[in-house]
Protein backbone atom coordinates (compact mmCIF):
# COMPACT_ATOMS: atom_id res chain seq x y z
CA MET A 1 0.00 0.00 0.00
CA SER A 2 1.46 3.35 -1.02
CA THR A 3 0.90 6.65 0.58
CA SER A 4 0.60 9.87 -1.38
CA LEU A 5 2.05 12.91 0.27
CA SER A 6 0.91 16.34 -0.71
CA GLY A 7 1.86 19.72 0.51
CA PRO A 8 3.29 23.02 -0.59
CA GLY A 9 5.60 22.51 -3.51
CA SER A 10 4.76 18.83 -3.96
CA ALA A 11 3.31 17.22 -7.06
CA GLU A 12 0.68 14.51 -7.28
CA GLN A 13 0.18 12.02 -10.07
CA THR A 14 -3.17 12.14 -11.83
CA PRO A 15 -4.19 9.18 -13.96
CA GLY A 16 -3.68 9.95 -17.64
CA ARG A 17 -1.82 13.19 -16.89
CA GLY A 18 1.56 14.29 -15.76
CA PRO A 19 2.36 15.58 -12.32
CA VAL A 20 0.25 18.54 -11.25
CA ARG A 21 1.69 21.06 -8.85
CA SER A 22 -0.74 22.14 -6.20
CA GLY A 23 -0.75 24.43 -3.23
CA LEU A 24 1.07 27.30 -5.00
CA PRO A 25 -0.51 30.64 -5.93
CA ARG A 26 -0.78 30.82 -9.75
CA LYS A 27 0.02 34.02 -11.57
CA SER A 28 -1.61 34.81 -14.84
CA ARG A 29 0.49 34.51 -17.96
CA THR A 30 0.09 38.23 -18.58
CA ALA A 31 1.43 39.11 -15.14
CA ARG A 32 4.43 36.80 -15.58
CA ASN A 33 5.37 37.95 -19.09
CA HIS A 34 4.68 41.66 -19.04
CA ALA A 35 6.11 44.38 -16.85
CA PRO A 36 3.68 46.96 -15.46
CA ILE A 37 3.14 50.04 -17.65
CA THR A 38 4.77 53.16 -16.22
CA ALA A 39 3.29 56.64 -16.43
CA THR A 40 6.00 57.71 -18.88
CA GLY A 41 5.40 54.71 -21.12
CA LEU A 42 1.65 55.33 -21.08
CA LEU A 43 2.18 59.00 -21.98
CA VAL A 44 4.49 58.09 -24.88
CA LYS A 45 1.98 55.53 -26.14
CA VAL A 46 -0.89 58.02 -25.98
CA VAL A 47 1.13 60.71 -27.81
CA LEU A 48 2.30 58.34 -30.56
CA LEU A 49 -1.12 56.81 -31.12
CA GLY A 50 -2.64 60.29 -31.15
CA LEU A 51 -0.09 61.26 -33.80
CA VAL A 52 -1.01 58.17 -35.84
CA ALA A 53 -4.70 59.06 -35.57
CA GLY A 54 -4.00 62.65 -36.61
CA ILE A 55 -1.99 61.59 -39.65
CA ALA A 56 -4.71 59.11 -40.63
CA ILE A 57 -7.44 61.77 -40.42
CA TRP A 58 -5.29 64.25 -42.36
CA ALA A 59 -4.65 61.68 -45.11
CA ALA A 60 -8.26 60.48 -45.26
CA PHE A 61 -9.80 63.73 -46.54
CA PRO A 62 -7.81 63.88 -49.84
CA LEU A 63 -8.56 60.19 -50.42
CA VAL A 64 -12.28 60.75 -49.91
CA GLU A 65 -12.24 63.84 -52.12
CA ALA A 66 -10.47 61.93 -54.89
CA LYS A 67 -12.76 58.89 -54.34
CA LEU A 68 -9.77 56.59 -53.88
CA TRP A 69 -11.68 54.02 -51.86
CA VAL A 70 -9.02 51.32 -52.05
CA GLY A 71 -6.43 53.69 -50.61
CA LEU A 72 -8.87 54.77 -47.91
CA ALA A 73 -9.55 51.14 -46.98
CA ILE A 74 -5.80 50.44 -46.71
CA LEU A 75 -5.37 53.56 -44.55
CA LEU A 76 -8.20 52.56 -42.20
CA ALA A 77 -7.01 48.94 -41.95
CA THR A 78 -3.43 50.04 -41.21
CA THR A 79 -4.56 52.53 -38.55
CA ALA A 80 -6.87 49.99 -36.89
CA GLY A 81 -4.10 47.40 -36.94
CA LEU A 82 -1.65 49.76 -35.26
CA PHE A 83 -4.15 50.63 -32.53
CA TYR A 84 -4.89 46.95 -31.92
CA LEU A 85 -1.19 46.09 -31.83
CA TYR A 86 -0.19 48.75 -29.31
CA LEU A 87 -3.29 48.67 -27.11
CA THR A 88 -3.00 44.96 -26.37
CA PRO A 89 -0.22 43.23 -24.40
CA ARG A 90 0.28 40.58 -27.09
CA HIS A 91 2.55 40.30 -30.12
CA ILE A 92 5.68 41.75 -28.49
CA PRO A 93 8.02 41.06 -31.47
CA ALA A 94 5.57 42.71 -33.87
CA LYS A 95 5.60 45.91 -31.81
CA TYR A 96 9.25 46.34 -32.78
CA LEU A 97 9.08 44.97 -36.32
CA ILE A 98 6.01 46.83 -37.61
CA PRO A 99 7.41 50.41 -37.39
CA GLY A 100 10.53 49.45 -39.32
CA THR A 101 8.45 47.58 -41.88
CA LEU A 102 6.14 50.56 -42.40
CA PHE A 103 9.10 52.91 -42.88
CA LEU A 104 10.62 50.41 -45.32
CA ILE A 105 7.40 50.37 -47.33
CA VAL A 106 6.96 54.15 -47.30
CA PHE A 107 10.55 55.15 -48.06
CA GLN A 108 11.82 52.21 -50.13
CA VAL A 109 9.13 49.97 -51.56
CA PHE A 110 6.60 52.66 -52.48
CA PRO A 111 9.10 54.92 -54.36
CA VAL A 112 10.35 51.92 -56.34
CA LEU A 113 6.81 50.83 -57.23
CA TYR A 114 5.80 54.39 -58.12
CA THR A 115 8.85 54.75 -60.36
CA ALA A 116 8.04 51.44 -62.02
CA SER A 117 4.43 52.47 -62.62
CA THR A 118 5.56 55.80 -64.09
CA ALA A 119 7.84 53.95 -66.54
CA PHE A 120 4.74 52.51 -68.23
CA THR A 121 3.18 55.94 -68.90
CA ASN A 122 3.88 59.02 -71.02
CA PHE A 123 4.04 61.21 -67.90
CA GLY A 124 5.99 64.39 -68.59
CA ASP A 125 5.63 67.94 -69.85
CA GLY A 126 2.33 68.25 -71.66
CA HIS A 127 1.10 64.94 -70.22
CA ARG A 128 0.71 65.56 -66.50
CA GLY A 129 -3.03 65.53 -65.85
CA ASP A 130 -6.06 63.74 -67.20
CA LYS A 131 -8.00 64.47 -70.38
CA SER A 132 -10.33 67.01 -68.76
CA ASP A 133 -7.30 68.98 -67.54
CA ALA A 134 -5.88 68.96 -71.08
CA ILE A 135 -9.16 70.26 -72.51
CA VAL A 136 -9.25 73.12 -69.99
CA ALA A 137 -5.61 73.95 -70.76
CA VAL A 138 -6.21 73.97 -74.54
CA GLN A 139 -9.23 76.22 -74.25
CA SER A 140 -7.63 78.54 -71.69
CA SER A 141 -4.41 78.98 -73.67
CA SER A 142 -6.39 80.00 -76.78
CA VAL A 143 -8.25 82.84 -75.06
CA LYS A 144 -8.18 86.13 -76.95
CA GLN A 145 -9.56 89.54 -76.18
CA VAL A 146 -12.50 90.39 -78.40
CA PRO A 147 -14.55 93.58 -78.74
CA GLY A 148 -16.84 93.83 -75.75
CA SER A 149 -14.65 91.72 -73.42
CA THR A 150 -15.31 92.60 -69.77
CA GLN A 151 -12.48 94.52 -68.12
CA TYR A 152 -11.61 94.04 -64.44
CA PRO A 153 -9.38 95.99 -62.02
CA LEU A 154 -6.52 93.62 -61.24
CA SER A 155 -4.23 93.06 -58.28
CA VAL A 156 -1.63 90.32 -58.30
CA ALA A 157 -1.09 88.50 -55.01
CA THR A 158 0.42 85.39 -53.48
CA LYS A 159 0.17 83.37 -50.29
CA GLY A 160 3.91 82.75 -50.26
CA ASP A 161 7.06 84.74 -50.88
CA PRO A 162 6.42 87.73 -53.19
CA ALA A 163 9.40 86.69 -55.33
CA THR A 164 8.66 82.97 -55.66
CA GLY A 165 5.19 82.16 -54.31
CA PRO A 166 2.37 80.94 -56.59
CA LEU A 167 0.49 83.88 -58.13
CA VAL A 168 -3.24 84.60 -58.01
CA PHE A 169 -5.43 87.30 -59.54
CA LEU A 170 -7.60 89.48 -57.29
CA ILE A 171 -10.29 91.04 -59.47
CA THR A 172 -13.28 93.25 -58.77
CA ASP A 173 -16.50 92.87 -60.74
CA PRO A 174 -17.24 96.35 -62.20
CA LYS A 175 -21.01 95.74 -61.99
CA THR A 176 -21.45 94.20 -58.53
CA GLY A 177 -18.23 95.19 -56.78
CA ALA A 178 -17.68 91.57 -55.70
CA VAL A 179 -14.04 90.54 -55.28
CA SER A 180 -12.85 87.14 -56.49
CA VAL A 181 -9.53 85.31 -56.37
CA GLY A 182 -8.44 83.21 -59.33
CA ASP A 183 -5.67 80.84 -60.34
CA ALA A 184 -5.28 78.05 -62.87
CA GLY A 185 -8.01 76.12 -61.03
CA GLY A 186 -10.70 78.77 -61.52
CA LEU A 187 -12.37 81.68 -59.71
CA GLU A 188 -13.62 81.85 -56.13
CA GLN A 189 -15.50 84.79 -54.63
CA LEU A 190 -14.12 86.30 -51.42
CA ASP A 191 -16.02 87.66 -48.45
CA ALA A 192 -16.30 91.43 -48.64
CA THR A 193 -15.12 91.73 -45.03
CA GLU A 194 -11.81 90.06 -45.90
CA VAL A 195 -10.70 92.56 -48.57
CA THR A 196 -9.89 96.24 -48.86
CA VAL A 197 -10.83 97.89 -52.14
CA ALA A 198 -9.53 101.30 -53.20
CA THR A 199 -11.34 103.82 -55.33
CA GLY A 200 -11.58 102.45 -58.84
CA GLY A 201 -12.04 98.85 -57.66
CA LYS A 202 -8.40 97.81 -57.21
CA VAL A 203 -7.83 95.45 -54.27
CA THR A 204 -5.16 96.79 -51.92
CA ALA A 205 -5.33 94.11 -49.22
CA ALA A 206 -6.87 90.65 -48.79
CA GLU A 207 -6.85 88.42 -45.74
CA GLY A 208 -4.37 85.55 -46.16
CA TYR A 209 -2.75 87.06 -49.27
CA THR A 210 0.22 89.34 -49.93
CA VAL A 211 -0.61 91.89 -52.62
CA LEU A 212 2.42 92.54 -54.84
CA ASN A 213 3.49 96.14 -55.34
CA PHE A 214 4.41 97.47 -58.78
CA GLY A 215 8.09 96.60 -58.45
CA GLN A 216 7.45 93.05 -57.25
CA ALA A 217 4.88 92.48 -60.00
CA SER A 218 7.22 93.86 -62.67
CA THR A 219 9.89 91.29 -61.86
CA ARG A 220 7.32 88.52 -62.42
CA SER A 221 5.58 90.02 -65.45
CA ARG A 222 6.20 86.92 -67.57
CA GLU A 223 4.44 84.68 -65.03
CA ILE A 224 1.56 87.16 -64.78
CA THR A 225 1.16 87.20 -68.56
CA ASP A 226 1.19 83.39 -68.71
CA LEU A 227 -1.37 82.93 -65.91
CA VAL A 228 -4.79 81.95 -67.27
CA VAL A 229 -7.84 81.73 -64.98
CA PRO A 230 -10.67 79.61 -66.43
CA THR A 231 -14.19 81.04 -66.23
CA ALA A 232 -17.61 79.90 -67.37
CA GLY A 233 -17.46 82.15 -70.44
CA GLY A 234 -13.79 81.70 -71.33
CA ALA A 235 -10.82 82.74 -69.23
CA LEU A 236 -9.24 85.70 -67.49
CA ARG A 237 -5.88 87.04 -68.62
CA SER A 238 -3.92 90.07 -67.60
CA SER A 239 -3.70 93.21 -69.67
CA GLY A 240 -0.69 94.86 -68.08
CA LEU A 241 -0.24 94.78 -64.31
CA SER A 242 -3.43 96.52 -63.23
CA ARG A 243 -6.13 95.30 -65.62
CA ALA A 244 -7.54 91.91 -66.63
CA TYR A 245 -10.01 90.91 -69.30
CA GLU A 246 -12.32 87.96 -69.77
CA GLY A 247 -11.52 86.70 -73.24
CA THR A 248 -13.10 84.10 -75.47
CA ALA A 249 -11.47 80.78 -76.31
CA ILE A 250 -11.05 80.33 -80.06
CA ARG A 251 -10.41 76.61 -79.54
CA ALA A 252 -13.20 74.59 -78.00
CA TYR A 253 -13.80 70.91 -77.27
CA ASP A 254 -16.56 69.12 -79.18
CA ALA A 255 -17.70 65.97 -77.38
CA GLY A 256 -19.49 64.75 -80.50
CA CYS A 257 -16.27 64.22 -82.45
CA ASP A 258 -14.03 64.03 -79.37
CA CYS A 259 -11.92 66.77 -80.86
CA ILE A 260 -10.73 70.35 -80.50
CA LYS A 261 -11.98 72.83 -83.10
CA ASP A 262 -10.41 76.21 -83.91
CA SER A 263 -13.16 78.75 -84.65
CA GLU A 264 -10.79 81.03 -86.59
CA THR A 265 -9.06 78.55 -88.89
CA GLY A 266 -11.54 75.67 -88.78
CA LYS A 267 -8.73 73.22 -88.03
CA THR A 268 -9.58 70.11 -86.00
CA TRP A 269 -7.45 68.03 -83.65
CA THR A 270 -8.90 64.61 -82.78
CA ALA A 271 -8.18 62.87 -79.49
CA ASP A 272 -5.74 59.97 -79.79
CA GLU A 273 -6.01 57.86 -76.64
CA ALA A 274 -2.93 55.82 -77.57
CA VAL A 275 -0.58 58.81 -77.25
CA GLY A 276 -2.65 61.03 -74.97
CA SER A 277 -2.79 63.99 -77.36
CA PHE A 278 -5.08 65.85 -79.72
CA VAL A 279 -3.71 65.15 -83.22
CA ALA A 280 -4.61 66.89 -86.51
CA ALA A 281 -4.89 65.17 -89.87
CA ASP A 282 -1.45 66.47 -90.86
CA GLY A 283 0.10 64.95 -87.72
CA GLU A 284 0.34 68.15 -85.68
CA ARG A 285 -0.16 67.64 -81.94
CA LEU A 286 -1.39 70.19 -79.48
CA ALA A 287 1.08 70.86 -76.68
CA GLN A 288 -1.50 70.09 -73.99
CA GLY A 289 -2.01 66.33 -73.67
CA TRP A 290 -2.87 63.91 -70.90
CA LYS A 291 -1.32 60.99 -69.08
CA VAL A 292 -1.98 57.53 -70.53
CA ASP A 293 -0.49 54.05 -70.21
CA VAL A 294 1.93 53.28 -73.03
CA GLY A 295 2.92 49.75 -72.02
CA LEU A 296 6.52 48.88 -72.86
CA ARG A 297 6.99 51.78 -75.27
CA ASN A 298 9.48 53.64 -73.04
CA PHE A 299 11.58 50.49 -72.55
CA SER A 300 11.42 49.82 -76.28
CA ARG A 301 12.60 53.36 -77.02
CA VAL A 302 15.61 52.91 -74.74
CA LEU A 303 16.65 49.73 -76.58
CA THR A 304 15.62 50.44 -80.19
CA ASP A 305 15.39 54.20 -80.81
CA PRO A 306 18.80 55.16 -82.27
CA ALA A 307 18.60 58.64 -80.72
CA ILE A 308 18.31 57.05 -77.27
CA SER A 309 19.79 53.55 -77.48
CA SER A 310 23.16 54.67 -78.87
CA PRO A 311 23.92 57.13 -76.03
CA PHE A 312 22.35 54.72 -73.53
CA PHE A 313 24.72 51.84 -74.31
CA SER A 314 27.80 54.06 -74.64
CA THR A 315 26.92 55.64 -71.30
CA LEU A 316 26.39 52.18 -69.79
CA LEU A 317 29.92 51.09 -70.75
CA TRP A 318 31.45 54.22 -69.21
CA ASN A 319 29.17 53.77 -66.18
CA PHE A 320 30.67 50.32 -65.53
CA ALA A 321 34.19 51.63 -66.10
CA PHE A 322 33.60 54.52 -63.69
CA ALA A 323 32.05 52.34 -60.96
CA ILE A 324 34.70 49.60 -61.23
CA GLY A 325 37.55 52.11 -61.56
CA SER A 326 36.38 54.23 -58.63
CA THR A 327 35.85 51.22 -56.39
CA GLY A 328 39.02 49.39 -57.46
CA LEU A 329 41.40 52.35 -57.34
CA THR A 330 40.17 53.58 -53.96
CA PHE A 331 40.42 50.03 -52.58
CA LEU A 332 43.97 49.53 -53.83
CA LEU A 333 45.19 52.87 -52.49
CA GLY A 334 43.33 52.50 -49.19
CA LEU A 335 44.61 48.95 -48.72
CA GLY A 336 48.19 49.95 -49.55
CA ILE A 337 48.18 52.73 -46.97
CA ALA A 338 46.51 50.47 -44.40
CA LEU A 339 49.19 47.80 -44.91
CA ALA A 340 51.95 50.37 -44.53
CA LEU A 341 50.51 51.69 -41.26
CA HIS A 342 49.75 48.16 -40.02
CA SER A 343 53.43 47.30 -39.89
CA PRO A 344 54.70 47.03 -36.28
CA ARG A 345 57.83 48.93 -37.34
CA MET A 346 55.75 52.00 -38.27
CA ARG A 347 55.83 54.90 -35.80
CA GLY A 348 53.30 57.74 -35.40
CA THR A 349 50.50 55.75 -36.99
CA ASN A 350 47.75 57.65 -35.18
CA PHE A 351 49.01 60.96 -36.53
CA TYR A 352 49.14 59.63 -40.08
CA ARG A 353 45.66 58.13 -39.77
CA VAL A 354 44.19 61.49 -38.74
CA LEU A 355 45.80 63.19 -41.74
CA LEU A 356 44.73 60.50 -44.16
CA ILE A 357 41.04 60.55 -43.28
CA LEU A 358 40.71 64.34 -43.70
CA PRO A 359 39.19 64.04 -47.21
CA TYR A 360 36.53 61.76 -45.72
CA ALA A 361 35.70 64.36 -43.06
CA MET A 362 35.13 67.16 -45.58
CA PRO A 363 31.70 67.75 -47.21
CA SER A 364 31.94 65.95 -50.54
CA PHE A 365 29.92 68.48 -52.53
CA ALA A 366 32.24 71.30 -51.41
CA MET A 367 35.34 69.28 -52.26
CA LEU A 368 33.94 68.45 -55.69
CA LEU A 369 33.52 72.14 -56.44
CA VAL A 370 37.08 72.80 -55.24
CA TRP A 371 38.45 70.05 -57.48
CA ARG A 372 36.47 71.44 -60.42
CA ASP A 373 38.30 74.75 -60.01
CA MET A 374 41.62 72.97 -59.57
CA PHE A 375 41.18 71.36 -63.00
CA ASN A 376 40.35 74.69 -64.66
CA THR A 377 42.36 75.11 -67.85
CA ASP A 378 43.36 78.75 -67.32
CA PHE A 379 43.80 79.28 -63.57
CA GLY A 380 43.50 75.78 -62.10
CA LEU A 381 46.10 74.54 -59.61
CA ILE A 382 46.81 71.33 -61.56
CA ASN A 383 47.92 73.06 -64.75
CA ASN A 384 49.76 75.87 -62.95
CA LEU A 385 51.57 73.53 -60.56
CA PHE A 386 52.82 71.07 -63.17
CA GLY A 387 53.05 73.43 -66.11
CA PHE A 388 50.36 71.62 -68.09
CA GLY A 389 48.08 73.16 -70.68
CA VAL A 390 45.47 70.40 -70.61
CA ASP A 391 41.82 71.26 -71.20
CA TRP A 392 40.75 68.73 -68.60
CA PHE A 393 37.01 69.05 -69.03
CA GLY A 394 37.11 69.81 -72.75
CA GLU A 395 38.25 66.40 -74.00
CA THR A 396 36.61 63.04 -73.45
CA TRP A 397 39.43 61.02 -71.91
CA SER A 398 40.97 63.85 -69.90
CA ALA A 399 37.56 64.59 -68.37
CA ARG A 400 37.07 60.93 -67.49
CA LEU A 401 40.55 60.73 -65.99
CA ALA A 402 39.84 63.86 -63.97
CA VAL A 403 36.63 62.52 -62.40
CA LEU A 404 38.38 59.23 -61.55
CA LEU A 405 41.20 61.13 -59.84
CA VAL A 406 38.69 63.17 -57.87
CA GLN A 407 36.90 59.99 -56.82
CA LEU A 408 40.22 58.43 -55.82
CA TRP A 409 40.96 61.35 -53.50
CA LEU A 410 37.46 61.37 -52.02
CA GLY A 411 37.07 57.60 -51.67
CA TYR A 412 40.38 56.17 -50.48
CA PRO A 413 39.94 57.26 -46.80
CA TYR A 414 36.84 55.09 -46.50
CA MET A 415 38.66 52.07 -47.93
CA PHE A 416 41.64 52.85 -45.70
CA LEU A 417 39.47 52.77 -42.58
CA VAL A 418 37.71 49.57 -43.66
CA ALA A 419 40.96 47.81 -44.55
CA THR A 420 42.58 48.94 -41.28
CA GLY A 421 39.77 47.42 -39.24
CA ALA A 422 39.84 44.19 -41.24
CA LEU A 423 43.63 43.85 -40.91
CA GLN A 424 43.48 44.31 -37.16
CA ALA A 425 40.93 41.49 -36.96
CA ILE A 426 43.28 39.00 -38.66
CA PRO A 427 45.36 37.11 -36.04
CA ARG A 428 49.07 37.75 -36.45
CA GLU A 429 49.69 34.09 -35.60
CA LEU A 430 48.47 33.11 -39.07
CA THR A 431 50.98 35.27 -40.92
CA GLU A 432 53.71 34.33 -38.49
CA ALA A 433 53.01 30.65 -39.17
CA THR A 434 53.50 31.18 -42.89
CA SER A 435 56.78 32.93 -42.22
CA VAL A 436 57.94 29.94 -40.15
CA ASP A 437 57.05 27.74 -43.12
CA GLY A 438 59.39 29.81 -45.29
CA ALA A 439 56.84 31.99 -47.14
CA SER A 440 57.91 35.46 -48.22
CA PRO A 441 55.86 38.51 -47.08
CA LEU A 442 54.25 38.69 -50.52
CA GLN A 443 53.35 34.99 -50.46
CA SER A 444 51.98 35.34 -46.94
CA PHE A 445 49.87 38.29 -48.06
CA ARG A 446 48.48 36.47 -51.09
CA ALA A 447 47.84 33.18 -49.27
CA VAL A 448 46.47 34.39 -45.92
CA THR A 449 45.93 38.12 -45.52
CA LEU A 450 44.22 38.99 -48.80
CA PRO A 451 41.68 36.10 -48.81
CA LEU A 452 40.66 36.78 -45.20
CA LEU A 453 40.55 40.50 -45.93
CA LEU A 454 38.26 40.00 -48.95
CA VAL A 455 35.90 37.80 -46.93
CA ALA A 456 35.46 40.67 -44.46
CA ILE A 457 35.14 43.59 -46.85
CA SER A 458 33.59 42.08 -50.00
CA PRO A 459 30.07 43.22 -49.00
CA LEU A 460 31.42 46.75 -48.55
CA LEU A 461 33.09 46.63 -51.96
CA ILE A 462 29.77 45.58 -53.51
CA ALA A 463 28.00 48.44 -51.71
CA SER A 464 30.69 50.86 -52.89
CA PHE A 465 30.24 49.67 -56.48
CA ALA A 466 26.47 50.21 -56.26
CA TYR A 467 27.01 53.68 -54.79
CA ASN A 468 29.51 54.70 -57.47
CA PHE A 469 27.28 53.29 -60.21
CA ASN A 470 24.74 55.97 -59.20
CA ASN A 471 27.18 58.64 -58.02
CA PHE A 472 25.25 61.66 -59.24
CA ASN A 473 27.22 64.29 -57.31
CA ALA A 474 30.63 63.16 -58.55
CA ILE A 475 29.66 63.92 -62.15
CA TYR A 476 27.19 66.75 -61.83
CA MET A 477 29.35 68.81 -59.46
CA THR A 478 32.50 68.52 -61.59
CA THR A 479 31.80 68.12 -65.31
CA GLU A 480 27.96 68.28 -65.41
CA GLY A 481 28.24 65.31 -67.75
CA GLY A 482 30.41 67.06 -70.34
CA PRO A 483 32.07 67.40 -72.66
CA TYR A 484 29.18 67.14 -75.11
CA PRO A 485 29.47 66.26 -78.78
CA ALA A 486 28.51 69.00 -81.20
CA ASP A 487 25.53 67.05 -82.53
CA ASN A 488 24.06 65.89 -79.20
CA SER A 489 23.56 68.02 -76.10
CA THR A 490 21.53 65.33 -74.31
CA VAL A 491 24.35 63.07 -73.15
CA GLY A 492 28.01 63.87 -72.47
CA ALA A 493 31.23 61.91 -72.29
CA THR A 494 31.27 61.66 -68.48
CA ASP A 495 27.53 61.17 -68.01
CA LEU A 496 26.41 58.22 -65.93
CA LEU A 497 23.03 56.65 -66.47
CA ILE A 498 21.75 58.50 -63.41
CA THR A 499 22.77 61.93 -64.76
CA TYR A 500 21.45 60.95 -68.20
CA SER A 501 18.05 60.02 -66.75
CA TYR A 502 18.07 63.25 -64.73
CA ARG A 503 18.56 65.23 -67.92
CA LEU A 504 15.75 63.31 -69.58
CA ALA A 505 13.47 64.08 -66.66
CA PHE A 506 14.35 67.75 -66.27
CA GLY A 507 15.97 68.65 -69.59
CA ALA A 508 15.51 71.95 -71.36
CA GLN A 509 13.76 70.19 -74.25
CA GLY A 510 10.92 69.16 -71.94
CA ALA A 511 10.63 66.68 -69.10
CA GLU A 512 9.98 63.04 -69.95
CA TYR A 513 9.42 61.43 -66.58
CA GLY A 514 8.12 58.17 -68.04
CA LEU A 515 11.24 57.65 -70.16
CA ALA A 516 13.51 58.68 -67.29
CA ALA A 517 11.70 56.20 -65.02
CA ALA A 518 12.31 53.45 -67.59
CA VAL A 519 16.04 54.24 -67.56
CA SER A 520 15.93 54.14 -63.75
CA ILE A 521 14.38 50.66 -63.88
CA PHE A 522 17.25 49.52 -66.12
CA ILE A 523 19.74 50.97 -63.61
CA PHE A 524 17.98 49.20 -60.75
CA ALA A 525 18.01 45.88 -62.61
CA ILE A 526 21.70 46.17 -63.56
CA VAL A 527 22.82 47.00 -60.03
CA ALA A 528 20.58 44.29 -58.56
CA VAL A 529 21.97 41.60 -60.89
CA VAL A 530 25.61 42.61 -60.34
CA SER A 531 25.10 42.74 -56.57
CA ALA A 532 23.33 39.37 -56.49
CA ILE A 533 26.14 37.69 -58.44
CA SER A 534 28.78 39.35 -56.27
CA PHE A 535 27.08 38.35 -53.01
CA SER A 536 26.76 34.78 -54.29
CA ARG A 537 30.49 34.61 -54.99
CA THR A 538 31.18 36.20 -51.60
CA ARG A 539 29.18 33.49 -49.81
CA LYS A 540 31.16 30.80 -51.60
CA GLN A 541 34.37 32.51 -50.56
CA GLU A 542 33.18 32.64 -46.95
CA GLU A 543 32.45 28.90 -47.03
CA VAL A 544 35.99 28.20 -48.23
CA TYR A 545 37.73 30.27 -45.54
CA SER A 546 35.30 29.67 -42.68
């Protein structure tokens, strides 16, 4: 006969179950796993969640106004999820992972997806809005003053800086005395208590607006002349700086033929949905078009259009040469200096290290401008110091050599620091063992030091290559992409793909954001493929020397 003892801290055997501890006070899982919330933590949580709610409400109104219901649903679901996550004691890992994930989506994933979506459109100058915006622009730009056009006293104002802020017209109706404010979006009547009108109907002050004086308006006369304010009967345009007229549009949209008709010449431009423009029978297109999907047309232009593909591929070759040269030369120089200072026989290493990293401590954009002046043909330090007469930025290969030298000076301190840290992590016993075996210093370096060094810094070399492949500042601050051939001002000898796409997007000939986005996708794909291959080889190297 067996006796079962039970008491504090003892366990009893239950048939079909394991031992059950009895007699002890049981704490809830929540109490065991979660520390009590402090007043400071509660305050921080309330402030952050209040900020999230405020941002959500602020973002919801534009989505509702634009009827973007899918975006509104995503916003509401995300906000509700965040409140659930941080108001419950569960999902501790997610509380730390979700903020980083959201920032990754907002600042990395979304820009990439938006760029990719833009690459499949004709978005650019003349193709920014939808079709209704294009129709309004066509009609407004064709407004002319006709006999009997209503004249209005005009004041030019802005809500921003008088020199740069967006302009608006403040006009007074000569019949009713009502004051209205107008911009490219149309007219809106103002409350009479918010404006001050002088004798003759000219507005001298308006609440929330800065009325430009004659001198301020004169400096922006071109913008004032170009500003067109749509109205029900046509559009308002300025006639000097103090008068405006409501003119009549000579070009009007006819929904029956889906075309624009010119009442003076009788010419017709029919809407072409494939290109997002109004096109005449003779092929003429109106400057005001609209944004449409063009499929793979931008990518096809990059690869097949001789005017684009030829400079694209020549720029791509130089882009690889620049990225490899910049990364390789800075690595070799940085490694050489690091090896010299790593020698135990070297004295004053700390002093030398401080001197050598000075280029890395200087603002790169300022140093690039300094180097640009140093390479000046007439008064630059390089030519004057060595007695050269080289037109550094006037010839293709001298300009390319110059930007590589500038990159070498700017980039070697980083490689020097990286190589110094990697060398200090390599045990000296390994190199000493090779010396005991009779290996020369060069053989020891090739057999032991260099392989271990590459294992440590290969990822940084890959990152440096990717950075230099898109090193916009290095080119734009020194050569601005030049020199340019006489027959092509779009792409220069030192242009990288990133500066080439920038010029496509913001060039003087008119912005082509869709085409520039397509070039950016090519850049992204090239860098991604090169990086993936390089990381794969790095992993194999790590397996060999691990």
